[in-house]
């Protein structure tokens, strides 16, 4: 519920100001697909399995 509120109410207001994201694998896809982030230049990924890394970066 908190993740949904973040993606639906908060991200639309701040998405263009975000420069860095630190995300856990459980919320990564939901947050990254929610908006475009024109100023995002860094991404920290935590608790991510090897297969997910391969899918994202190959």
Foldseek 3Di string as FASTA:
>chain_A
DVLVCCLPPVCVVCLQVDAEEEDEPVNVVVNPVSDDRVNHDYYHYPPDDPVVVVVVPD
